[in-house]
Structures are given as C-alpha cells and as structure tokens.
Protein backbone atom coordinates (compact mmCIF):
# COMPACT_ATOMS: atom_id res chain seq x y z
CA UNK A 1 3.23 -7.26 3.16
CA UNK A 2 1.53 -4.19 4.52
CA UNK A 3 4.82 -2.96 5.54
CA UNK A 4 6.65 -3.47 2.42
CA UNK A 5 3.41 -1.68 0.51
CA UNK A 6 3.88 1.50 3.20
CA UNK A 7 7.81 1.25 2.35
CA UNK A 8 6.99 1.53 -1.25
CA UNK A 9 4.31 4.30 -0.81
CA UNK A 10 6.65 6.31 0.79
CA UNK A 11 9.45 5.81 -2.06
CA UNK A 12 7.05 6.61 -5.08
CA UNK A 13 7.27 10.18 -6.30
CA UNK A 14 4.05 11.44 -5.28
CA UNK A 15 3.34 9.18 -2.28
CA UNK A 16 3.04 9.97 1.29
CA UNK A 17 2.57 7.62 4.25
CA UNK A 18 1.73 8.06 7.63
CA UNK A 19 -0.59 10.77 8.92
CA UNK A 20 -1.09 14.12 7.53
CA UNK A 21 -2.04 17.33 9.49
CA UNK A 22 -2.96 20.30 8.24
CA UNK A 23 -2.63 23.73 9.98
CA UNK A 24 -5.78 24.97 12.07
CA UNK A 25 -8.19 27.26 11.09
CA UNK A 26 -8.06 30.00 13.27
CA UNK A 27 -9.24 33.33 12.12
CA UNK A 28 -7.34 35.30 14.83
CA UNK A 29 -3.93 33.83 14.83
CA UNK A 30 -1.35 36.31 13.40
CA UNK A 31 1.84 33.84 13.57
CA UNK A 32 4.25 33.65 10.72
CA UNK A 33 4.21 30.51 8.53
CA UNK A 34 6.95 29.03 10.30
CA UNK A 35 5.63 29.78 14.16
CA UNK A 36 2.26 28.53 12.87
CA UNK A 37 3.61 25.49 11.63
CA UNK A 38 5.12 24.98 14.95
CA UNK A 39 2.45 25.64 17.08
CA UNK A 40 -0.20 23.63 15.08
CA UNK A 41 -1.93 26.78 13.87
CA UNK A 42 -2.89 27.60 10.37
CA UNK A 43 -2.08 31.50 10.52
CA UNK A 44 -4.99 33.68 9.12
CA UNK A 45 -8.32 32.53 8.16
CA UNK A 46 -8.59 30.52 4.96
CA UNK A 47 -11.54 31.63 3.67
CA UNK A 48 -11.62 35.24 1.45
CA UNK A 49 -12.48 38.11 3.96
CA UNK A 50 -14.28 41.20 2.81
CA UNK A 51 -10.94 42.95 1.85
CA UNK A 52 -10.65 40.65 -0.88
CA UNK A 53 -7.73 38.37 0.52
CA UNK A 54 -7.31 35.00 -0.74
CA UNK A 55 -8.34 31.90 0.82
CA UNK A 56 -5.23 30.01 2.23
CA UNK A 57 -4.95 26.29 2.17
CA UNK A 58 -2.33 24.31 4.05
CA UNK A 59 -0.16 21.92 2.02
CA UNK A 60 1.74 19.32 4.11
CA UNK A 61 5.67 19.27 3.96
CA UNK A 62 7.95 17.01 6.08
CA UNK A 63 10.87 17.74 3.57
CA UNK A 64 11.30 21.53 4.72
CA UNK A 65 15.22 21.47 3.50
CA UNK A 66 13.80 20.39 -0.10
CA UNK A 67 10.96 22.58 -0.75
CA UNK A 68 10.18 26.33 -1.64
CA UNK A 69 7.11 28.17 -0.40
CA UNK A 70 7.44 30.36 -3.29
CA UNK A 71 9.08 28.07 -5.70
CA UNK A 72 7.53 26.98 -8.98
CA UNK A 73 5.22 24.14 -7.72
CA UNK A 74 3.63 26.09 -4.90
CA UNK A 75 3.00 29.19 -7.48
CA UNK A 76 1.46 26.72 -10.25
CA UNK A 77 -1.45 25.48 -7.72
CA UNK A 78 -1.92 28.90 -6.50
CA UNK A 79 -2.53 30.20 -10.03
CA UNK A 80 -4.58 27.09 -10.82
CA UNK A 81 -6.71 27.37 -7.34
CA UNK A 82 -6.67 30.93 -7.26
CA UNK A 83 -5.75 30.66 -3.18
CA UNK A 84 -2.89 31.54 -1.11
CA UNK A 85 -0.81 28.71 0.23
CA UNK A 86 1.25 27.62 3.14
CA UNK A 87 3.11 24.81 4.58
CA UNK A 88 2.80 23.05 7.76
CA UNK A 89 5.99 21.55 8.60
CA UNK A 90 5.83 18.37 10.74
CA UNK A 91 7.65 15.34 11.58
CA UNK A 92 7.10 12.00 9.66
CA UNK A 93 6.65 10.07 13.03
CA UNK A 94 2.90 8.84 12.64
CA UNK A 95 2.90 8.03 16.27
CA UNK A 96 4.20 11.66 17.19
CA UNK A 97 1.69 13.39 14.78
CA UNK A 98 -1.20 11.27 16.17
CA UNK A 99 -0.27 12.16 19.63
CA UNK A 100 -0.12 16.15 18.87
CA UNK A 101 -3.49 15.63 16.83
CA UNK A 102 -5.32 14.48 19.80
CA UNK A 103 -3.93 17.41 21.85
CA UNK A 104 -5.04 19.72 19.43
CA UNK A 105 -8.46 17.92 18.89
CA UNK A 106 -8.97 17.87 23.05
CA UNK A 107 -7.84 21.75 23.43
CA UNK A 108 -10.19 22.47 20.87
CA UNK A 109 -7.41 23.69 18.14
CA UNK A 110 -9.03 21.53 15.39
CA UNK A 111 -6.89 21.28 12.12
CA UNK A 112 -8.76 21.81 8.73
CA UNK A 113 -7.61 18.36 7.87
CA UNK A 114 -5.82 15.24 8.67
CA UNK A 115 -5.34 11.60 7.31
CA UNK A 116 -4.49 7.78 8.24
CA UNK A 117 -5.15 8.08 11.76
CA UNK A 118 -6.24 4.57 13.17
CA UNK A 119 -9.61 3.46 12.45
CA UNK A 120 -10.90 3.85 15.86
CA UNK A 121 -9.85 7.60 16.15
CA UNK A 122 -11.64 8.30 12.65
CA UNK A 123 -14.89 7.16 14.18
CA UNK A 124 -14.07 8.56 17.57
CA UNK A 125 -13.51 12.04 15.97
CA UNK A 126 -16.97 12.04 13.94
CA UNK A 127 -18.78 10.68 17.11
CA UNK A 128 -17.13 13.64 19.22
CA UNK A 129 -18.01 16.22 16.94
CA UNK A 130 -14.17 16.88 15.72
CA UNK A 131 -14.52 15.59 12.22
CA UNK A 132 -16.73 17.30 9.45
CA UNK A 133 -19.45 15.84 7.42
CA UNK A 134 -18.32 15.71 3.99
CA UNK A 135 -21.39 16.24 1.63
CA UNK A 136 -21.63 13.61 -1.23
CA UNK A 137 -22.75 16.41 -3.62
CA UNK A 138 -19.85 18.67 -2.88
CA UNK A 139 -17.71 15.92 -3.08
CA UNK A 140 -18.87 14.91 -6.76
CA UNK A 141 -18.81 18.68 -7.97
CA UNK A 142 -15.37 19.50 -6.55
CA UNK A 143 -13.47 16.06 -7.12
CA UNK A 144 -14.83 14.51 -9.78
CA UNK A 145 -11.88 13.07 -11.14
CA UNK A 146 -11.40 11.82 -7.63
CA UNK A 147 -15.00 10.02 -8.01
CA UNK A 148 -14.39 8.52 -11.15
CA UNK A 149 -10.92 7.09 -9.70
CA UNK A 150 -12.63 5.49 -7.08
CA UNK A 151 -15.50 4.30 -8.77
CA UNK A 152 -13.13 2.42 -11.01
CA UNK A 153 -11.48 0.86 -8.09
CA UNK A 154 -13.97 0.38 -5.89
CA UNK A 155 -17.47 0.15 -8.11
CA UNK A 156 -20.48 2.33 -8.62
CA UNK A 157 -20.76 3.20 -5.04
CA UNK A 158 -17.46 3.68 -3.54
CA UNK A 159 -18.41 5.60 -0.50
CA UNK A 160 -20.08 2.58 1.24
CA UNK A 161 -17.29 1.64 2.83
CA UNK A 162 -16.97 4.75 4.88
CA UNK A 163 -20.66 5.87 5.29
CA UNK A 164 -21.73 5.63 8.56
CA UNK A 165 -25.44 4.00 9.72
CA UNK A 166 -26.69 7.37 9.39
CA UNK A 167 -26.03 7.85 5.99
CA UNK A 168 -23.21 10.40 6.64
CA UNK A 169 -19.64 10.54 5.16
CA UNK A 170 -16.48 11.65 7.50
CA UNK A 171 -13.92 10.43 5.41
CA UNK A 172 -12.50 10.35 2.01
CA UNK A 173 -11.11 7.09 1.03
CA UNK A 174 -7.40 6.64 0.27
CA UNK A 175 -6.57 3.89 -2.11
CA UNK A 176 -3.37 2.20 -2.84
CA UNK A 177 -4.52 0.13 -5.99
CA UNK A 178 -1.19 -1.65 -6.49
CA UNK A 179 -2.30 -3.44 -3.18
CA UNK A 180 -4.65 -5.98 -4.66
CA UNK A 181 -2.81 -7.15 -7.15
CA UNK A 182 0.82 -6.70 -5.78
CA UNK A 183 2.27 -10.06 -4.90
CA UNK A 184 3.42 -12.64 -7.16
CA UNK A 185 5.68 -15.71 -7.16
CA UNK A 186 9.44 -15.26 -8.69
CA UNK A 187 11.26 -17.89 -9.80
CA UNK A 188 14.73 -17.67 -10.89
CA UNK A 189 14.60 -18.14 -14.57
CA UNK A 190 18.33 -18.86 -14.96
CA UNK A 191 18.19 -21.61 -12.78
CA UNK A 192 14.58 -22.95 -14.41
CA UNK A 193 16.83 -23.32 -17.66
CA UNK A 194 20.24 -24.60 -16.00
CA UNK A 195 18.08 -27.33 -14.39
CA UNK A 196 16.62 -28.36 -17.67
CA UNK A 197 13.19 -26.98 -17.21
CA UNK A 198 11.76 -24.92 -20.07
CA UNK A 199 8.66 -23.22 -18.72
CA UNK A 200 7.63 -21.45 -15.59
CA UNK A 201 5.79 -24.21 -13.29
CA UNK A 202 2.26 -24.18 -13.44
CA UNK A 203 0.82 -26.80 -11.13
CA UNK A 204 1.67 -27.33 -7.55
CA UNK A 205 3.66 -30.75 -8.71
CA UNK A 206 5.33 -28.98 -11.36
CA UNK A 207 6.54 -26.43 -8.60
CA UNK A 208 7.74 -29.07 -6.10
CA UNK A 209 9.84 -30.47 -9.09
CA UNK A 210 11.27 -26.98 -9.97
CA UNK A 211 12.00 -26.80 -5.95
CA UNK A 212 13.72 -30.40 -5.92
CA UNK A 213 15.86 -29.52 -8.51
CA UNK A 214 16.95 -26.28 -6.99
CA UNK A 215 17.73 -28.23 -4.33
CA UNK A 216 19.62 -31.02 -5.91
CA UNK A 217 21.05 -29.89 -9.25
CA UNK A 218 23.40 -27.40 -8.48
CA UNK A 219 21.75 -24.46 -10.12
CA UNK A 220 24.18 -21.88 -9.22
CA UNK A 221 26.75 -23.92 -10.68
CA UNK A 222 29.50 -23.72 -7.51
CA UNK A 223 29.58 -27.76 -7.29
CA UNK A 224 28.16 -27.44 -3.63
CA UNK A 225 24.61 -28.58 -2.41
CA UNK A 226 24.05 -25.20 -0.80
CA UNK A 227 20.95 -23.75 -2.33
CA UNK A 228 17.13 -24.16 -1.71
CA UNK A 229 14.17 -24.37 -3.46
CA UNK A 230 12.02 -21.41 -1.73
CA UNK A 231 11.90 -19.05 0.99
CA UNK A 232 9.61 -16.85 2.95
CA UNK A 233 9.18 -15.20 6.43
CA UNK A 234 6.95 -16.07 9.33
CA UNK A 235 6.40 -12.09 10.23
CA UNK A 236 2.82 -12.64 9.01
CA UNK A 237 0.33 -15.42 8.35
CA UNK A 238 0.18 -14.24 4.73
CA UNK A 239 3.64 -14.26 4.34
CA UNK A 240 4.42 -17.69 5.05
CA UNK A 241 4.01 -19.67 1.71
CA UNK A 242 0.75 -18.05 0.41
CA UNK A 243 1.06 -19.30 -3.43
CA UNK A 244 1.14 -22.99 -1.92
CA UNK A 245 -2.37 -22.25 -0.07
CA UNK A 246 -3.74 -20.70 -2.81
CA UNK A 247 -3.32 -23.65 -4.97
CA UNK A 248 -5.88 -25.23 -2.36
CA UNK A 249 -8.08 -22.41 -2.56
CA UNK A 250 -7.51 -20.92 1.13
CA UNK A 251 -5.57 -17.39 1.91
CA UNK A 252 -4.45 -17.21 5.39
CA UNK A 253 -4.10 -13.89 6.94
CA UNK A 254 -7.10 -12.65 5.53
CA UNK A 255 -11.08 -12.69 6.06
CA UNK A 256 -12.33 -13.17 2.50
CA UNK A 257 -15.81 -13.85 1.31
CA UNK A 258 -16.65 -17.36 -0.35
CA UNK A 259 -19.86 -17.29 -1.77
CA UNK A 260 -21.51 -15.21 0.84
CA UNK A 261 -19.34 -16.63 3.84
CA UNK A 262 -16.57 -14.81 5.73
CA UNK A 263 -13.79 -17.23 6.02
CA UNK A 264 -10.56 -17.18 7.47
CA UNK A 265 -7.92 -19.22 5.08
CA UNK A 266 -6.03 -20.39 8.18
CA UNK A 267 -8.50 -22.69 9.77
CA UNK A 268 -10.41 -23.84 6.28
CA UNK A 269 -9.83 -27.52 5.02
CA UNK A 270 -7.57 -26.50 2.33
CA UNK A 271 -5.24 -24.80 4.79
CA UNK A 272 -4.36 -28.63 6.02
CA UNK A 273 -3.58 -29.89 2.43
CA UNK A 274 -1.05 -27.07 1.95
CA UNK A 275 0.40 -27.61 5.47
CA UNK A 276 0.49 -31.50 4.16
CA UNK A 277 2.32 -30.27 1.09
CA UNK A 278 4.99 -27.53 2.79
CA UNK A 279 5.76 -30.25 5.46
CA UNK A 280 6.84 -32.89 2.98
CA UNK A 281 8.78 -30.18 1.01
CA UNK A 282 10.45 -29.28 4.26
CA UNK A 283 11.29 -33.11 4.85
CA UNK A 284 12.76 -33.18 1.38
CA UNK A 285 14.96 -29.91 2.32
CA UNK A 286 13.36 -28.03 -0.34
CA UNK A 287 12.40 -25.06 1.54
CA UNK A 288 15.26 -22.58 3.67
CA UNK A 289 15.24 -24.40 6.76
CA UNK A 290 15.33 -20.91 8.41
CA UNK A 291 12.21 -19.55 7.06
CA UNK A 292 10.74 -19.03 10.11
CA UNK A 293 13.35 -16.77 11.76
CA UNK A 294 13.67 -14.51 8.68
CA UNK A 295 13.29 -10.91 8.34
CA UNK A 296 12.56 -9.15 5.43
CA UNK A 297 16.22 -8.33 5.06
CA UNK A 298 17.75 -11.32 5.64
CA UNK A 299 15.01 -13.02 3.15
CA UNK A 300 16.20 -10.28 0.44
CA UNK A 301 20.08 -11.16 1.19
CA UNK A 302 19.16 -15.06 0.64
CA UNK A 303 17.25 -14.02 -2.46
CA UNK A 304 20.18 -11.58 -3.72
CA UNK A 305 22.85 -14.06 -2.84
CA UNK A 306 21.14 -16.80 -4.83
CA UNK A 307 20.69 -19.26 -1.84
CA UNK A 308 16.90 -19.88 -2.96
CA UNK A 309 15.25 -19.83 -6.35
CA UNK A 310 11.63 -18.94 -5.80
CA UNK A 311 10.30 -16.20 -3.28
CA UNK A 312 6.71 -14.33 -3.31
CA UNK A 313 7.20 -10.54 -3.21
CA UNK A 314 5.97 -7.98 -5.16
CA UNK A 315 6.01 -8.02 -8.82
CA UNK A 316 8.11 -4.40 -9.43
CA UNK A 317 10.77 -6.08 -7.17
CA UNK A 318 11.79 -8.39 -10.06
CA UNK A 319 11.57 -5.46 -12.76
CA UNK A 320 14.39 -3.25 -13.60
CA UNK A 321 13.62 0.24 -12.16
CA UNK A 322 12.90 1.99 -15.37
CA UNK A 323 9.85 -0.50 -15.74
CA UNK A 324 8.43 0.73 -12.06
CA UNK A 325 10.13 1.77 -8.94
CA UNK A 326 13.13 0.05 -7.40
CA UNK A 327 13.61 -3.49 -9.08
CA UNK A 328 15.55 -4.20 -5.92
CA UNK A 329 15.88 -8.35 -6.64
CA UNK A 330 16.80 -7.24 -10.22
CA UNK A 331 19.38 -4.68 -9.79
CA UNK A 332 20.99 -6.19 -6.89
CA UNK A 333 20.97 -9.76 -8.02
CA UNK A 334 22.25 -8.75 -11.63
CA UNK A 335 25.60 -7.00 -9.88
CA UNK A 336 26.42 -10.63 -8.81
CA UNK A 337 24.80 -12.53 -11.47
CA UNK A 338 24.74 -10.38 -14.66
CA UNK A 339 22.54 -13.11 -16.47
CA UNK A 340 19.90 -13.76 -13.80
CA UNK A 341 16.45 -13.70 -14.79
CA UNK A 342 13.21 -13.82 -13.23
CA UNK A 343 10.13 -15.61 -14.47
CA UNK A 344 6.90 -14.22 -12.90
CA UNK A 345 3.62 -16.86 -11.68
CA UNK A 346 0.30 -16.07 -10.21
CA UNK A 347 0.79 -19.38 -7.70
CA UNK A 348 0.55 -22.75 -8.90
CA UNK A 349 -2.54 -24.21 -9.68
CA UNK A 350 -3.73 -27.18 -7.08
CA UNK A 351 -5.64 -30.31 -7.80
CA UNK A 352 -8.81 -28.33 -8.34
CA UNK A 353 -7.44 -25.66 -10.52
CA UNK A 354 -7.33 -23.40 -7.93
CA UNK A 355 -4.33 -20.90 -7.60
CA UNK A 356 -3.47 -17.46 -5.71
CA UNK A 357 -1.70 -15.15 -3.24
CA UNK A 358 -2.91 -13.56 -0.64
CA UNK A 359 -2.99 -9.67 -1.21
CA UNK A 360 -3.91 -6.38 0.08
CA UNK A 361 -6.96 -4.72 0.90
CA UNK A 362 -6.44 -1.21 -1.37
CA UNK A 363 -8.24 0.91 1.24
CA UNK A 364 -5.49 0.44 3.62
CA UNK A 365 -6.26 3.45 5.99
CA UNK A 366 -9.17 5.52 7.31
CA UNK A 367 -8.33 8.47 4.58
CA UNK A 368 -9.06 12.21 4.72
CA UNK A 369 -11.03 14.08 7.49
CA UNK A 370 -11.76 17.72 7.65
CA UNK A 371 -11.98 19.64 10.74
CA UNK A 372 -15.53 20.16 11.80
CA UNK A 373 -15.00 24.25 11.41
CA UNK A 374 -15.04 23.04 7.56
CA UNK A 375 -19.03 22.17 7.88
CA UNK A 376 -19.72 25.97 8.01
CA UNK A 377 -17.03 26.83 5.69
CA UNK A 378 -18.57 24.98 2.68
CA UNK A 379 -16.27 27.24 0.42
CA UNK A 380 -13.16 26.38 1.78
CA UNK A 381 -14.06 22.94 2.03
CA UNK A 382 -14.60 22.57 -1.85
CA UNK A 383 -11.41 24.54 -2.12
CA UNK A 384 -9.40 21.78 -0.35
CA UNK A 385 -11.36 19.14 -2.63
CA UNK A 386 -10.43 21.25 -5.58
CA UNK A 387 -6.73 20.95 -4.62
CA UNK A 388 -6.91 17.36 -3.89
CA UNK A 389 -8.49 16.45 -7.58
CA UNK A 390 -6.25 18.79 -9.28
CA UNK A 391 -3.10 18.19 -7.83
CA UNK A 392 -3.63 14.20 -8.37
CA UNK A 393 -5.46 13.94 -11.78
CA UNK A 394 -4.65 17.50 -13.68
CA UNK A 395 -1.56 16.39 -16.04
CA UNK A 396 -0.55 19.85 -16.61
CA UNK A 397 -0.43 20.96 -12.90
CA UNK A 398 0.92 17.41 -11.76
CA UNK A 399 3.46 17.66 -14.75
CA UNK A 400 4.39 21.42 -13.11
CA UNK A 401 4.46 20.04 -9.63
CA UNK A 402 6.85 17.40 -10.14
CA UNK A 403 9.00 18.90 -13.53
CA UNK A 404 8.34 22.42 -13.48
CA UNK A 405 8.38 24.27 -16.89
CA UNK A 406 8.78 22.55 -20.31
CA UNK A 407 11.78 23.92 -22.26
CA UNK A 408 13.39 25.31 -19.02
CA UNK A 409 13.71 22.51 -16.36
CA UNK A 410 12.70 19.12 -18.45
CA UNK A 411 12.00 18.05 -21.82
CA UNK A 412 9.66 15.39 -23.25
CA UNK A 413 11.65 12.83 -25.37
CA UNK A 414 10.11 11.11 -28.25
CA UNK A 415 9.31 8.04 -26.12
CA UNK A 416 7.33 9.89 -23.85
CA UNK A 417 9.78 10.15 -20.81
CA UNK A 418 10.37 13.31 -19.24
CA UNK A 419 13.80 14.31 -18.56
CA UNK A 420 15.23 17.15 -16.57
CA UNK A 421 17.42 19.79 -18.11
CA UNK A 422 20.75 20.68 -16.91
CA UNK A 423 21.25 22.35 -14.39
CA UNK A 424 17.90 20.69 -13.03
CA UNK A 425 19.04 17.28 -13.38
CA UNK A 426 20.59 18.26 -10.17
CA UNK A 427 18.13 17.88 -7.00
CA UNK A 428 19.92 20.91 -5.39
CA UNK A 429 18.83 23.17 -8.21
CA UNK A 430 15.32 21.53 -8.54
CA UNK A 431 15.02 22.46 -4.96
CA UNK A 432 15.90 26.10 -5.57
CA UNK A 433 12.93 26.38 -8.37
CA UNK A 434 10.78 24.61 -6.26
CA UNK A 435 9.73 21.40 -8.10
CA UNK A 436 9.78 17.75 -7.32
CA UNK A 437 8.46 14.85 -5.14
CA UNK A 438 7.90 17.01 -2.00
CA UNK A 439 4.80 18.86 -2.22
CA UNK A 440 1.97 17.10 -1.18
CA UNK A 441 -1.38 18.18 -1.63
CA UNK A 442 -2.40 15.46 -0.64
CA UNK A 443 -0.49 13.02 -2.53
CA UNK A 444 -2.52 10.09 -1.88
CA UNK A 445 -4.59 9.78 -4.53
CA UNK A 446 -2.34 7.89 -6.67
CA UNK A 447 -3.96 6.61 -10.20
CA UNK A 448 -0.99 4.68 -11.65
CA UNK A 449 -2.58 4.62 -15.18
CA UNK A 450 -2.69 8.48 -14.98
CA UNK A 451 1.19 8.59 -13.41
CA UNK A 452 2.54 5.81 -15.85
CA UNK A 453 4.46 8.35 -18.24
CA UNK A 454 6.28 9.59 -15.16
CA UNK A 455 6.89 6.11 -13.82
CA UNK A 456 7.63 3.63 -16.71
CA UNK A 457 9.54 3.90 -19.60
CA UNK A 458 7.70 3.70 -22.74
CA UNK A 459 9.15 0.57 -24.25
CA UNK A 460 9.37 -0.93 -20.85
CA UNK A 461 5.34 -0.32 -20.49
CA UNK A 462 4.30 -4.19 -21.74
CA UNK A 463 6.83 -5.48 -19.30
CA UNK A 464 5.24 -3.52 -16.27
CA UNK A 465 1.61 -4.76 -17.60
CA UNK A 466 2.74 -8.15 -17.88
CA UNK A 467 4.28 -8.69 -14.55
CA UNK A 468 1.43 -6.54 -12.85
CA UNK A 469 -1.05 -9.07 -14.31
CA UNK A 470 0.35 -11.85 -12.28
CA UNK A 471 -0.94 -10.52 -9.25
CA UNK A 472 -3.99 -12.59 -8.37
CA UNK A 473 -5.67 -13.56 -5.15
CA UNK A 474 -7.88 -12.53 -2.45
CA UNK A 475 -7.63 -9.83 0.03
CA UNK A 476 -9.10 -9.23 3.76
CA UNK A 477 -12.62 -7.49 3.01
CA UNK A 478 -12.33 -6.27 6.56
CA UNK A 479 -9.33 -4.06 6.54
CA UNK A 480 -11.42 -0.73 6.33
CA UNK A 481 -14.12 -1.89 8.31
CA UNK A 482 -14.67 -1.33 12.27
CA UNK A 483 -13.82 -4.52 13.88
CA UNK A 484 -13.69 -4.65 17.37
CA UNK A 485 -14.26 -8.13 18.13
CA UNK A 486 -10.92 -9.10 15.92
CA UNK A 487 -9.22 -6.00 17.15
CA UNK A 488 -9.32 -7.74 20.79
CA UNK A 489 -8.51 -11.25 19.33
CA UNK A 490 -6.25 -10.49 16.50
CA UNK A 491 -2.87 -10.53 17.95
CA UNK A 492 -3.35 -13.82 20.31
CA UNK A 493 -5.22 -15.52 17.25
CA UNK A 494 -2.09 -14.47 15.03
CA UNK A 495 0.66 -15.83 17.11
CA UNK A 496 -1.06 -18.75 17.65
CA UNK A 497 -1.49 -19.67 13.92
CA UNK A 498 2.17 -18.62 13.26
CA UNK A 499 3.40 -20.98 16.06
CA UNK A 500 1.15 -23.94 14.77
CA UNK A 501 1.80 -23.29 10.94
CA UNK A 502 5.61 -23.18 11.94
CA UNK A 503 5.13 -26.57 13.88
CA UNK A 504 3.01 -28.33 11.13
CA UNK A 505 5.59 -27.23 8.27
CA UNK A 506 8.69 -28.23 10.30
CA UNK A 507 6.88 -31.88 11.42
CA UNK A 508 7.25 -30.34 15.27
CA UNK A 509 3.39 -30.82 15.48
CA UNK A 510 1.83 -33.73 13.39
CA UNK A 511 -0.64 -32.49 10.60
CA UNK A 512 -3.05 -35.08 11.79
CA UNK A 513 -3.88 -32.34 14.71
CA UNK A 514 -4.96 -29.58 12.34
CA UNK A 515 -8.70 -30.18 13.22
CA UNK A 516 -7.55 -29.95 17.30
CA UNK A 517 -5.54 -26.59 16.12
CA UNK A 518 -8.68 -25.36 14.33
CA UNK A 519 -10.72 -25.96 17.35
CA UNK A 520 -8.33 -24.27 19.69
CA UNK A 521 -8.22 -21.33 17.45
CA UNK A 522 -12.17 -21.05 17.60
CA UNK A 523 -12.22 -21.23 21.31
CA UNK A 524 -9.43 -18.41 21.60
CA UNK A 525 -11.80 -16.09 19.93
CA UNK A 526 -11.91 -17.29 16.31
CA UNK A 527 -15.42 -17.99 16.51
CA UNK A 528 -16.25 -14.34 17.71
CA UNK A 529 -14.16 -13.13 15.02
CA UNK A 530 -16.01 -15.49 12.53
CA UNK A 531 -19.50 -14.25 13.67
CA UNK A 532 -18.36 -10.63 13.46
CA UNK A 533 -16.86 -10.98 10.10
CA UNK A 534 -20.08 -12.52 8.70
CA UNK A 535 -22.42 -9.47 9.94
CA UNK A 536 -19.95 -7.16 8.46
CA UNK A 537 -20.08 -9.24 5.13
CA UNK A 538 -23.91 -9.37 5.33
CA UNK A 539 -24.48 -5.53 5.61
CA UNK A 540 -21.80 -4.60 2.76
CA UNK A 541 -23.74 -6.94 0.77
CA UNK A 542 -27.06 -5.29 1.51
CA UNK A 543 -25.67 -1.87 0.48
C-alpha cells in the first residue's frame, strides 16, 4: 500500500516524493547556479546583505529540462515573497541523495533544508547538531495555513508527533492525507448485475455469495469457468485480503490503538476467524489461487483482463480520471469492456457488525528539516516557512505556478475547471513560459480540499466524494515514531506472518495451529514489539 501511495504522490501535479535537499548556505561561495547545484552549495548568502541584496532561497528541481529559472512561476514566487530564487538540481534517487546529504553534513557543508530522510537519520541530525530547532511561535507566525491544515488532520496539537522529550521541534511534518482513507473494496458492478445481485454486498456472508457467483455463474459471459471472486497480493501483510480481516475487527500489518491497548492485528483472535473464512473460500475456489505470488503488475492485469470480480485498492483507481487522478481500473478495463462499472465498499460487516480495511498513516515520513545554520538566521528560516506556506495554500500563487496568467495561458470555465489556452495546451510552450507541476517549494503540503478545483471536474465532485467516503479503517499509529525494537524484528516477523497466513489460507497449515503461530511470533520478538508499542501509546496519550 505504501508503495502505491508513493507512486501516486509522484504523479500528482504538486506532489514530490523522496528526499529534497536545498542548496548549502555558504556565504562565501561565488559559484554560478549550475555549478552550485552540482557541488551541493547554495551560492551567495541567502540573507539580505548591507548592500540591499535580496535574500536568496532555493527551490528543489529534479526536472531541469522542464523548468525555467526566470519563467513565470519563479518570478511569481519572487514577487510574492520579495526574495531571489535559485534551483538546486539533483537526482530523484532517494538513496543517492541521502548518501550525498550524509557526506555534506559530515563535511560541515550543511544544506539549508532537506526532507524525508529515514526516521533514524532525522533523530541523528538533531542529536548531532546538524538540524536546526524550529521555534513553534516562528512556525505559527510564518506558516499559519500550514498549521491550520495540520490541526485539521492531526488535532489541536499536531506537533506532538515530532516534539522531542526536551520540548523542541526539529521537523515539519509532511502529511499525505489521502493515506488514512485510500483503501476500499471494489466489486465489478456489471458482474453483480449479471449474476443477479442487485446491491453491493454488505455482510461477509453476502460477500461470500457474490464471490461464489463470480466463480461459478460465468459473469464475463464467455462460456468458461475461468473467473475468480477476489484476488490480492502477499507483498505486505496488510495486502492479504484486508477487508476480510476488518470484518472480524482486526487490522493485520498495523499497530493500532484498541481502547488504550497497542495490538497487532495479525496475532489477534479475530485474525483466526478471518483466516478460517479465507481458507473456506480458497477451498471453494473463490479466491485467485495465485494470490500469494502476485505482484502489483500482474494483479492489475488480472483485474483489467476480467479474471477477478473484487479487489482492494485505492478508491481513485476505480474512477474516471477527471474525477481524481489516474483512474487506472476505470480506463483500462473500459477499453476491453465498455460497460464495465465498479461498486465500492468499505468492506463487509462481520458477525459483530465490524468492518474496515487497513489504511495508511498520513504521516509517512520525517518531514522537512532545516540546517543548523538557520538557528542563527531566523529571518531566513521565517522566509522559507512563508514560501512553503504560500506555494501550498495561497490560491493566487498556486494558480500562477501551475497555470500561469489568466487570459494568456489559461481560462477558467463556468464549471470552475482550468483549461490551458493554445499554444500553452502544449507542454513545450508551458515549459518555455515557465509554468506547470515542476516547481517544488516544497510541493509537499497537499490540502486536497484546497486543490480540488485543479484535480476534479466540478460535475464529478459528488462521485469523488462518495468514493473517498468508503475508505474506512485503522492505520499504524507507530509509523512516524522512533521504534528501534520494531525495526530490529520487523523483517523476520513480517516474513513469518506472510508465510503462515499463506499456509493457513491455502490449507498447508491447519487453522487449529493459529495459537501456536501466535506463540512463535511472540517468541521471535513480537512480545518486545508489543511492549515498545504500548510504551509509545501511553506516552502519546499523556501528551
């Protein structure tokens, strides 16, 4: 699921994935912009000098062939903030950038800002004096819209997740708010109608009935018994038929808060019930027999080629792209089956009325950090905060960066949509003019309510909102927290769980041995993992 999230984030018009490293703040560096970018230095001092030179801020750029340093977007930011700007051009390979950043910090060439390093690195940079403290009052004053967005999504004290024991803040959290409500269960609606089912299945029994008909009643009409009810992948624990587990009140692959108790769904009693149901369905040939070897690509192939009638994926995959983003399953399936339709569900209700799907924590990464030199240059830190806030939440500036000048490069239709005017409907012309989705400053604070006019056709807004409302479940509260014990045991525990889940579902290991599996899991480090999670949960609840 996280992999799909990051792929989406890379594709959306204003989203950037991986590590962003700004140029180093070396006041004695006289390199040209291009050589400065290559060497990892920022050029001249960003702070205003006694001669009246404008402060220089750096904008990350990994599409040098599609951007224009002196184009319309960059000039709009300059005019809004009263600063000079330059590009830091870098590879988009997170591993290579991380290695370079570590070398820069080790040599004392500390960048002005960076983002999305591993959690352990972020803590290390703070401990070793490479990252600057971010005063809360400075943040509230210079990034008020960012703070409102954070509070809307994380509650009245959003900085509690990054505040260190001494009360100091060294990171600006970056949220991907879609993560916590992205996963839904999609049924082929045209198949449901073909086999005589008039409504979207609501219970686990109704789901089983639908999958049975998808297998046995020739829903694709080709006269062959070559379809299956549902497919999945075993790439992660949470990808293994999560909606079925949700029907029994558990969320495998995530550490969740159950009334003040930290639990892992994969070893809860409800998981045994879910595995029992899945084993029954597997024996009845309702489940894709190759689910455990599926990768994302061949899973998609099976959905698009009408080999299965149900799958759990992100809700936007099932919609036309004008409603939101790619619409992969909608578009590609309709190329083969023009009347194909999807019915979306939050998952079936189990015997106790429980339902849901394992979702993603919206705080997927460490966020943005500033170099230690900005602790002594609060004016520059404040200006960076203003840039981040304005480019993310100021509608006028946001529009100028993406679409340019109204009446020249774009017009706004009566339905509220934005349309490029010729010749700017060609990317080459937009590149020359210097507008588009390639200006990242920092391109991480994505308020999808704010961005809705740019991403969803007005008449399709109800379709998008209805689909998004189906993403219900729980996510791992531990994702943004330091968890050395979990990190130590994660790989072994994950592989143990995936192997045993496959064996339980396929019948290679009897369900009667589930309790033995739980004991094995706890002995292999699970007990320590749960203890660490409980301590973290108790700490969070005290804040």
